[in-house]
Amino acid sequence: MSDKPIITARDLSVHFPLGGGLFEATKYVRAVEGVNLEIPMGSFFGLVGESGSGKTTLGRAFLRASPISRGEVNYNDGEVDFDLVGLPKEKLKEFRKRAQLIFQDPYAALSPRMTVRDIIAEPLEVMNITSSREETDERVRQIADKCRLNLEHLRRFPHAFSGGQRQRISIARSLVSNPRFVVADESVAALDVSIQADVLNLLKALQDELGLTYLFISHDLSVVAHICDHIAVMYLGRLVETAPTRELFAAPRHPYTKALLSAIPNLDPDHISQAQKLEGEIPSPTNPPPGCKFQTRCPFAIDHCREEEPKLANLGFEHDVACHRWQELADAPANPQNKK
């Protein structure tokens, strides 16, 4: 892993207008708001949070698949340097070769009317990467072999495969253009546990072999702990904590991170659960609360939290947290008796 970032985001925001037609939108879904993040080249970078926290939208913004409303996003893999916000159309095609997406659902992501060969070859043909059918077939065979697909599989249709095999087909399609940056959006969430481990090990092996950088989006912290070397925690479109994986699990600082970690199941049958129950639902991104966005569910919230939004501050050791009270709450119990 390099210290040089392949993705650098500064004050990145993604807003979706509500309404339209004859009237100008007056409300917006603030899916991502003011994100500052660096993804080191060669890393397996995890992005976690509840459903509705903006993880997928942020990942798609890094791929220019979601409109960027404000801020800056830079892509630099050592060969090209792109400002993704102002990227012209002719350079966007070059960027698509270098940044790809692995979808969550292996059943919905593959066309049932195309053979596996045609599915994997489609990016090569659309982007004009290969000049002949023979060259295309050779590239398809190479990446299929790396993804542990047999050659006879290339003649079949997706319905003939299990979920794990379909996900390997999706991975092969994403990697056939030889990208440098890959967003894996809940790419093992729909698979059985044993198949999850197989796909995760495949992703790791491909990273080492092909020199890939992953943004791994997940809600499963046990999976993220196994595979990622750095983790960012997201809540209601904001980053609330980022740290190396070991540091985050050893010393979480944000109350939301502590609540997520406390919910990880323990295999010891005699273990007494200390899970912190979060009251209420995640607020609507169309009408976020004032101050800290987590204050409506935080058991430690005080008036200052409701009035001023905390900024992401560096604690050292690449550990950043956005919480007014992180120092005094470092050793606080997960479930306080009284809310201050």
Foldseek 3Di string as FASTA:
>chain_A
DDPDFQKWWFQWWAWAFDDDDPDDGPFIQGLAGGETDTFHFLFAEEEAEDPSLNLVVVLCVQLVNGQTPDTWMWGDPPPDIDTSNPDDPVVSLVSLLAEFEQDAFLVVVFDQVAFLLCLLLVNCVVSVVDDDPVVSSVLLVVLCVLLVHDPVSRGHGPVVDDRLVSSSSSVSSRPSSLHAEYEYANRCVVDDPVSSVVVLVSVVVCCVVSRHGYHYYDHQVVSCLVRGQKYWYTALNYTFKIAGSVCCLVFPQDLVSVLSSLPHDDPDPPDDRLHQDFPDDQDGSRDAAAADSCQVGDLADDVNRRHHHFDFDDPDNRITGGDPCRVVCRPPRSDDPHRD
